[in-house]
Amino acid sequence: MKTQNKYFFLIASILITLPFWITIACGDKESDKPTAEQKTGQPATPGAPAELKVASELTGAGATFPFPLYSKWADAYGKEKGLKLNYQAIGSGGGVAQIKKKTVDFGASDEPMKSEDLEKEGLFQFPMAIGGVVPVVNLEGITDGALKLSPSVLCGIYLGNITRWDHEEIRKLNEGLTLPAKDIAVVYRSDGSGTTWIFTDYLGRVCPAWKDKVGVGKSVQWPVGMGGKGNPGVAAYVKQTAGAIGYVEFAFALQNQLPAAQLQNQAGKFVRPAIETFMSAAKNADWEKAPGFYMVLNDQPGDETWPIAGATFILIHRAQADASKARAIFRFFDWCYRSGAELAKKLHYVPMPESVFSLVQSRWESEISSGGKPVAWK
């Protein structure tokens, strides 16, 4: 049976993960010979200055956490402006590696890079949206939001110390809920993952044993469980495994109709994942004082705060080899900030407020250059 489960998981992961590589890349068919307007994003004008040229294609790679949002943004912007965006949702670790190698125009990561590391690599990062990481379960008779978990119980499950759903500590939190006398099947991310970084950072903050024995990172040595590739891989494995628990970005829980648990937050309150509780986690963030926009939103105060939350970041090179590409990047993400907020909310992501994206854009103008000059993008 275990062998069958592994094969099922492998097939499900492949089927679900494939669209995350190709959906955004697939757009209208290109003509054999693009027009000058298609190439630049501007009407063809004889003698037009070089600084007006805007690339019509961009490539990016990285986090699966924001993929549902980036795919919607790219589709809407592409229809409106004609940009073709190829974004490969390969995980934050892969995105960081590719932008360092300059094989993509931008990388995406849910683990923020520290300012000294950005400086070393010649990179600039900025936040695009905020979301929540949620524990999801597959338990017969347990509906969305019915199960309650405390930080110590969640930590105990992932340390392998709590191995059954009818464990005394779980039953104490869930009086009146019928819990199965069943082993817990733990699921984690097998790839280098920003979602894993957010999750393990949270566990490290609330559980000293986790920090001492496992630590924090995009990839860690898990004490127990089975790994799935990407948010879709974890969701697939939880969905097909009775008794499973995993962690995914909230949009993937909704897409796969997986019951999410309530979590006890820093204030001692049990809360459900929702855009309102993610916003509560973000309200104390002071982006202006954050070096390199480094920001962690886990375990924040507040009665209504979801305790496992984080921003997702874009990474670009400070020195841009192609001004037309830089201009296309800035115009796309400017549109996402200004016109994509409602799409973000519909997918249960928190859009960045104007005070934050105005700050980001002022840094674009002062810190990003091409050929030694600031990039004029407006």
Protein backbone atom coordinates (compact mmCIF):
# COMPACT_ATOMS: atom_id res chain seq x y z
CA MET A 1 0.00 0.00 0.00
CA LYS A 2 2.86 2.37 0.84
CA THR A 3 4.39 1.66 -2.58
CA GLN A 4 1.07 2.42 -4.27
CA ASN A 5 0.81 5.67 -2.33
CA LYS A 6 4.29 6.68 -3.45
CA TYR A 7 3.43 6.02 -7.10
CA PHE A 8 0.14 7.88 -6.75
CA PHE A 9 1.94 10.82 -5.19
CA LEU A 10 4.59 10.86 -7.91
CA ILE A 11 1.98 10.88 -10.68
CA ALA A 12 -0.20 13.45 -8.90
CA SER A 13 2.78 15.70 -8.26
CA ILE A 14 3.81 15.60 -11.92
CA LEU A 15 0.30 16.28 -13.18
CA ILE A 16 -0.26 19.16 -10.78
CA THR A 17 3.22 20.64 -11.01
CA LEU A 18 3.49 20.74 -14.81
CA PRO A 19 1.07 23.67 -15.27
CA PHE A 20 3.15 25.65 -12.79
CA TRP A 21 5.93 25.60 -15.38
CA ILE A 22 3.93 26.42 -18.48
CA THR A 23 0.70 28.25 -17.74
CA ILE A 24 2.10 31.78 -17.72
CA ALA A 25 4.49 31.09 -20.56
CA CYS A 26 1.63 30.07 -22.83
CA GLY A 27 0.02 33.09 -24.40
CA ASP A 28 -1.07 34.17 -27.83
CA LYS A 29 1.04 32.68 -30.59
CA GLU A 30 3.83 34.94 -31.68
CA SER A 31 4.03 35.95 -35.30
CA ASP A 32 7.09 34.85 -37.19
CA LYS A 33 8.31 38.43 -37.40
CA PRO A 34 7.22 40.66 -34.52
CA THR A 35 6.54 44.28 -35.34
CA ALA A 36 8.55 47.11 -33.88
CA GLU A 37 5.64 47.87 -31.57
CA GLN A 38 5.56 44.26 -30.35
CA LYS A 39 9.28 44.32 -29.68
CA THR A 40 9.30 47.56 -27.73
CA GLY A 41 5.86 47.81 -26.21
CA GLN A 42 5.63 51.31 -27.81
CA PRO A 43 4.22 52.53 -31.13
CA ALA A 44 6.80 52.32 -33.90
CA THR A 45 8.31 55.78 -34.23
CA PRO A 46 11.15 56.58 -36.61
CA GLY A 47 14.21 57.70 -34.68
CA ALA A 48 12.64 56.88 -31.29
CA PRO A 49 15.24 57.18 -28.54
CA ALA A 50 16.63 53.95 -27.10
CA GLU A 51 15.35 54.72 -23.60
CA LEU A 52 11.75 54.31 -24.80
CA LYS A 53 12.22 50.66 -25.73
CA VAL A 54 10.43 48.16 -23.51
CA ALA A 55 10.99 44.41 -23.74
CA SER A 56 7.93 42.37 -24.71
CA GLU A 57 9.06 39.20 -22.91
CA LEU A 58 10.31 38.51 -19.39
CA THR A 59 11.49 35.38 -17.62
CA GLY A 60 11.31 34.72 -13.90
CA ALA A 61 11.64 31.76 -11.57
CA GLY A 62 11.20 30.91 -7.93
CA ALA A 63 8.58 30.66 -5.23
CA THR A 64 5.44 28.55 -5.61
CA PHE A 65 3.88 30.46 -2.66
CA PRO A 66 2.77 33.39 -4.89
CA PHE A 67 2.23 31.42 -8.10
CA PRO A 68 -1.60 31.62 -8.11
CA LEU A 69 -1.29 35.40 -7.81
CA TYR A 70 1.55 35.87 -10.31
CA SER A 71 -0.28 33.77 -12.88
CA LYS A 72 -3.42 35.92 -12.61
CA TRP A 73 -1.41 39.13 -12.73
CA ALA A 74 0.59 37.98 -15.74
CA ASP A 75 -2.52 36.89 -17.62
CA ALA A 76 -4.35 40.17 -17.00
CA TYR A 77 -1.33 42.35 -17.74
CA GLY A 78 -0.46 40.35 -20.85
CA LYS A 79 -3.95 40.87 -22.27
CA GLU A 80 -3.81 44.58 -21.50
CA LYS A 81 -0.21 45.40 -22.42
CA GLY A 82 1.02 42.52 -24.57
CA LEU A 83 3.82 41.34 -22.27
CA LYS A 84 4.66 37.65 -22.36
CA LEU A 85 5.87 36.40 -18.98
CA ASN A 86 7.45 32.97 -18.51
CA TYR A 87 7.54 32.26 -14.77
CA GLN A 88 8.77 28.87 -13.56
CA ALA A 89 7.46 28.06 -10.07
CA ILE A 90 10.42 25.91 -9.00
CA GLY A 91 10.71 27.00 -5.37
CA SER A 92 12.47 29.90 -3.69
CA GLY A 93 15.83 28.12 -3.60
CA GLY A 94 15.76 27.63 -7.36
CA GLY A 95 14.68 31.22 -7.93
CA VAL A 96 17.56 32.61 -5.89
CA ALA A 97 20.03 30.33 -7.67
CA GLN A 98 18.80 31.37 -11.13
CA ILE A 99 18.85 35.11 -10.49
CA LYS A 100 22.39 34.80 -9.11
CA LYS A 101 23.40 33.05 -12.35
CA LYS A 102 21.56 35.69 -14.41
CA THR A 103 19.60 33.03 -16.27
CA VAL A 104 16.30 34.85 -15.56
CA ASP A 105 15.24 38.49 -15.49
CA PHE A 106 13.96 38.23 -11.93
CA GLY A 107 13.87 35.71 -9.12
CA ALA A 108 11.17 35.21 -6.50
CA SER A 109 11.63 34.08 -2.92
CA ASP A 110 9.57 33.92 0.26
CA GLU A 111 12.72 33.94 2.37
CA PRO A 112 13.99 37.52 2.38
CA MET A 113 17.70 37.96 1.78
CA LYS A 114 19.63 39.96 4.35
CA SER A 115 21.08 43.28 3.22
CA GLU A 116 24.69 42.06 3.41
CA ASP A 117 23.87 39.09 1.16
CA LEU A 118 22.08 41.34 -1.32
CA GLU A 119 25.12 43.61 -1.41
CA LYS A 120 27.46 40.67 -1.96
CA GLU A 121 25.42 39.37 -4.91
CA GLY A 122 24.62 42.77 -6.40
CA LEU A 123 20.90 42.18 -5.90
CA PHE A 124 17.91 44.30 -4.92
CA GLN A 125 14.75 42.83 -3.38
CA PHE A 126 11.27 44.21 -2.88
CA PRO A 127 8.01 42.79 -1.46
CA MET A 128 5.03 42.10 -3.71
CA ALA A 129 2.32 40.65 -1.46
CA ILE A 130 1.70 38.97 1.88
CA GLY A 131 0.17 35.57 2.48
CA GLY A 132 -0.24 32.89 5.10
CA VAL A 133 1.17 29.39 5.49
CA VAL A 134 -1.47 27.03 6.88
CA PRO A 135 -1.51 23.49 8.29
CA VAL A 136 -3.90 21.34 6.24
CA VAL A 137 -5.22 17.90 7.15
CA ASN A 138 -6.99 14.89 5.69
CA LEU A 139 -9.12 13.49 8.51
CA GLU A 140 -12.46 11.81 7.99
CA GLY A 141 -15.27 13.93 9.39
CA ILE A 142 -13.02 16.94 10.11
CA THR A 143 -14.13 20.04 8.22
CA ASP A 144 -12.32 23.29 7.52
CA GLY A 145 -11.47 25.15 10.73
CA ALA A 146 -12.74 22.40 13.04
CA LEU A 147 -9.34 21.18 14.26
CA LYS A 148 -7.40 23.31 16.74
CA LEU A 149 -3.63 23.14 17.09
CA SER A 150 -1.32 24.89 19.53
CA PRO A 151 2.30 25.81 18.75
CA SER A 152 3.56 23.00 21.00
CA VAL A 153 1.31 20.40 19.36
CA LEU A 154 2.24 21.45 15.82
CA CYS A 155 5.90 21.36 16.79
CA GLY A 156 5.47 17.97 18.47
CA ILE A 157 3.89 16.53 15.34
CA TYR A 158 6.72 17.71 13.07
CA LEU A 159 9.37 16.58 15.57
CA GLY A 160 7.81 13.11 15.56
CA ASN A 161 6.94 13.27 19.26
CA ILE A 162 3.17 13.28 18.66
CA THR A 163 2.41 10.43 16.29
CA ARG A 164 -1.34 9.76 16.57
CA TRP A 165 -4.41 11.91 16.09
CA ASP A 166 -5.95 10.67 19.33
CA HIS A 167 -2.93 11.85 21.34
CA GLU A 168 -3.91 13.37 24.69
CA GLU A 169 -2.55 16.85 23.86
CA ILE A 170 -4.60 17.04 20.65
CA ARG A 171 -7.74 15.76 22.41
CA LYS A 172 -7.42 18.41 25.14
CA LEU A 173 -7.48 21.15 22.51
CA ASN A 174 -10.44 19.61 20.67
CA GLU A 175 -13.03 18.56 23.24
CA GLY A 176 -16.21 17.45 21.50
CA LEU A 177 -14.38 16.65 18.26
CA THR A 178 -14.15 12.99 17.27
CA LEU A 179 -10.52 12.34 16.45
CA PRO A 180 -9.51 9.12 14.68
CA ALA A 181 -7.36 6.52 16.41
CA LYS A 182 -4.93 6.81 13.51
CA ASP A 183 -1.26 7.47 12.88
CA ILE A 184 -0.32 10.96 11.72
CA ALA A 185 1.21 11.05 8.22
CA VAL A 186 3.51 14.09 8.17
CA VAL A 187 4.12 15.83 4.83
CA TYR A 188 6.81 18.46 4.17
CA ARG A 189 8.45 20.17 1.18
CA SER A 190 11.19 18.16 -0.49
CA ASP A 191 12.60 21.11 -2.49
CA GLY A 192 14.33 24.31 -1.40
CA SER A 193 11.31 26.29 -0.34
CA GLY A 194 10.48 29.74 0.95
CA THR A 195 7.25 28.30 2.32
CA THR A 196 9.40 25.90 4.34
CA TRP A 197 11.54 28.80 5.51
CA ILE A 198 8.46 30.65 6.79
CA PHE A 199 7.13 27.48 8.45
CA THR A 200 10.41 26.48 10.11
CA ASP A 201 11.12 30.06 11.16
CA TYR A 202 7.76 30.04 12.95
CA LEU A 203 8.47 26.71 14.65
CA GLY A 204 11.89 27.99 15.70
CA ARG A 205 10.29 31.03 17.33
CA VAL A 206 7.62 29.15 19.30
CA CYS A 207 9.39 25.86 20.01
CA PRO A 208 12.94 25.86 21.46
CA ALA A 209 13.28 22.12 20.78
CA TRP A 210 12.71 22.75 17.06
CA LYS A 211 15.33 25.47 16.95
CA ASP A 212 17.86 23.25 18.74
CA LYS A 213 17.22 19.98 16.89
CA VAL A 214 16.16 21.00 13.38
CA GLY A 215 16.67 24.70 12.80
CA VAL A 216 15.40 27.12 10.19
CA GLY A 217 15.91 27.06 6.44
CA LYS A 218 14.52 26.60 2.95
CA SER A 219 15.55 22.96 3.31
CA VAL A 220 16.09 21.12 6.62
CA GLN A 221 16.63 17.57 7.84
CA TRP A 222 13.08 16.59 8.74
CA PRO A 223 12.78 14.23 11.72
CA VAL A 224 9.73 12.48 10.27
CA GLY A 225 7.47 12.35 7.24
CA MET A 226 7.38 12.32 3.44
CA GLY A 227 8.36 15.15 1.08
CA GLY A 228 6.32 16.65 -1.73
CA LYS A 229 7.67 18.98 -4.41
CA GLY A 230 6.25 22.48 -4.30
CA ASN A 231 3.05 23.65 -2.69
CA PRO A 232 1.06 21.62 -5.25
CA GLY A 233 3.02 18.46 -4.42
CA VAL A 234 2.36 18.79 -0.69
CA ALA A 235 -1.32 19.52 -1.33
CA ALA A 236 -1.59 16.46 -3.59
CA TYR A 237 0.02 14.16 -1.06
CA VAL A 238 -2.18 15.38 1.81
CA LYS A 239 -5.29 15.07 -0.34
CA GLN A 240 -4.65 11.42 -1.19
CA THR A 241 -3.33 10.26 2.21
CA ALA A 242 -5.78 9.59 5.04
CA GLY A 243 -4.45 10.95 8.33
CA ALA A 244 -2.05 13.38 6.67
CA ILE A 245 -0.98 16.85 7.76
CA GLY A 246 1.03 19.27 5.64
CA TYR A 247 1.71 22.99 5.26
CA VAL A 248 0.87 25.06 2.18
CA GLU A 249 0.22 28.65 1.20
CA PHE A 250 -3.46 29.40 1.86
CA ALA A 251 -4.46 29.68 -1.81
CA PHE A 252 -3.39 26.05 -2.35
CA ALA A 253 -5.55 24.93 0.58
CA LEU A 254 -8.54 26.63 -1.02
CA GLN A 255 -7.80 25.35 -4.52
CA ASN A 256 -7.55 21.77 -3.28
CA GLN A 257 -10.43 22.06 -0.78
CA LEU A 258 -8.18 20.93 2.06
CA PRO A 259 -9.38 21.61 5.62
CA ALA A 260 -7.11 24.10 7.38
CA ALA A 261 -6.58 23.96 11.13
CA GLN A 262 -7.07 26.81 13.54
CA LEU A 263 -3.84 27.90 15.22
CA GLN A 264 -3.26 29.41 18.63
CA ASN A 265 -1.47 32.72 18.21
CA GLN A 266 0.85 34.74 20.42
CA ALA A 267 -2.16 36.25 22.24
CA GLY A 268 -3.41 32.75 23.10
CA LYS A 269 -6.37 33.01 20.72
CA PHE A 270 -7.31 30.34 18.19
CA VAL A 271 -7.66 31.94 14.76
CA ARG A 272 -8.49 30.76 11.27
CA PRO A 273 -6.49 31.69 8.17
CA ALA A 274 -8.07 34.56 6.25
CA ILE A 275 -6.98 37.75 4.53
CA GLU A 276 -8.05 39.69 7.64
CA THR A 277 -5.82 37.65 9.96
CA PHE A 278 -2.92 37.94 7.50
CA MET A 279 -3.42 41.72 7.45
CA SER A 280 -3.25 41.73 11.23
CA ALA A 281 0.13 39.99 11.02
CA ALA A 282 1.40 42.70 8.66
CA LYS A 283 0.10 45.82 10.40
CA ASN A 284 3.18 46.34 12.60
CA ALA A 285 5.68 46.04 9.75
CA ASP A 286 7.91 49.12 9.36
CA TRP A 287 9.25 48.69 5.83
CA GLU A 288 11.03 52.04 5.76
CA LYS A 289 13.35 50.92 8.57
CA ALA A 290 13.92 47.44 7.15
CA PRO A 291 17.43 47.19 5.57
CA GLY A 292 17.05 45.76 2.08
CA PHE A 293 13.31 45.34 2.81
CA TYR A 294 14.16 42.37 5.04
CA MET A 295 10.97 41.57 6.95
CA VAL A 296 9.70 38.55 8.91
CA LEU A 297 6.01 38.46 9.90
CA ASN A 298 5.81 35.26 11.95
CA ASP A 299 4.38 35.14 15.51
CA GLN A 300 3.22 38.76 15.56
CA PRO A 301 1.06 40.23 18.37
CA GLY A 302 -2.70 40.73 18.15
CA ASP A 303 -5.86 38.80 19.03
CA GLU A 304 -6.81 38.41 15.35
CA THR A 305 -3.31 37.68 14.01
CA TRP A 306 -2.56 34.56 11.97
CA PRO A 307 0.79 33.37 13.39
CA ILE A 308 2.46 31.97 10.22
CA ALA A 309 2.63 34.73 7.63
CA GLY A 310 5.19 36.22 5.31
CA ALA A 311 5.83 38.51 2.38
CA THR A 312 6.92 37.19 -0.98
CA PHE A 313 9.81 39.03 -2.65
CA ILE A 314 11.16 39.81 -6.11
CA LEU A 315 14.93 39.80 -6.71
CA ILE A 316 16.63 41.72 -9.52
CA HIS A 317 20.18 42.83 -10.27
CA ARG A 318 21.12 46.36 -9.30
CA ALA A 319 23.10 46.75 -12.51
CA GLN A 320 20.74 45.89 -15.36
CA ALA A 321 22.41 44.79 -18.60
CA ASP A 322 19.32 45.57 -20.68
CA ALA A 323 17.42 48.77 -19.91
CA SER A 324 14.41 47.60 -21.93
CA LYS A 325 14.12 44.52 -19.69
CA ALA A 326 14.45 46.63 -16.55
CA ARG A 327 11.77 48.97 -17.84
CA ALA A 328 9.46 46.03 -18.55
CA ILE A 329 10.05 44.65 -15.03
CA PHE A 330 9.23 47.98 -13.41
CA ARG A 331 6.13 48.58 -15.51
CA PHE A 332 4.79 45.09 -14.86
CA PHE A 333 5.25 45.23 -11.11
CA ASP A 334 3.98 48.82 -10.97
CA TRP A 335 0.79 47.56 -12.64
CA CYS A 336 0.61 44.69 -10.13
CA TYR A 337 0.85 47.13 -7.23
CA ARG A 338 -1.67 49.62 -8.60
CA SER A 339 -4.11 47.56 -10.64
CA GLY A 340 -3.62 44.07 -9.25
CA ALA A 341 -4.72 44.65 -5.64
CA GLU A 342 -8.26 43.35 -6.15
CA LEU A 343 -6.97 40.20 -7.85
CA ALA A 344 -4.67 39.68 -4.86
CA LYS A 345 -7.55 39.99 -2.40
CA LYS A 346 -9.70 37.55 -4.35
CA LEU A 347 -6.92 34.97 -3.96
CA HIS A 348 -6.56 35.78 -0.22
CA TYR A 349 -3.22 37.56 -0.52
CA VAL A 350 -2.68 40.93 1.13
CA PRO A 351 -1.63 43.56 -1.45
CA MET A 352 1.10 46.00 -0.49
CA PRO A 353 -0.28 49.42 0.56
CA GLU A 354 0.60 52.49 -1.49
CA SER A 355 2.95 53.75 1.22
CA VAL A 356 5.04 50.61 0.76
CA PHE A 357 5.08 50.38 -3.03
CA SER A 358 5.82 54.10 -3.34
CA LEU A 359 8.83 53.50 -1.11
CA VAL A 360 9.86 50.53 -3.26
CA GLN A 361 9.60 52.58 -6.45
CA SER A 362 11.69 55.40 -5.03
CA ARG A 363 14.39 52.79 -4.38
CA TRP A 364 14.10 51.51 -7.96
CA GLU A 365 14.95 54.99 -9.15
CA SER A 366 17.86 55.50 -6.75
CA GLU A 367 19.39 52.00 -6.63
CA ILE A 368 18.83 50.35 -10.05
CA SER A 369 20.88 51.39 -13.05
CA SER A 370 21.67 50.36 -16.61
CA GLY A 371 24.87 51.48 -18.26
CA GLY A 372 25.65 53.50 -15.16
CA LYS A 373 22.44 55.54 -15.44
CA PRO A 374 19.10 55.34 -13.61
CA VAL A 375 16.43 53.43 -15.53
CA ALA A 376 13.67 55.74 -16.79
CA TRP A 377 10.59 53.53 -16.78
CA LYS A 378 7.52 55.76 -16.40
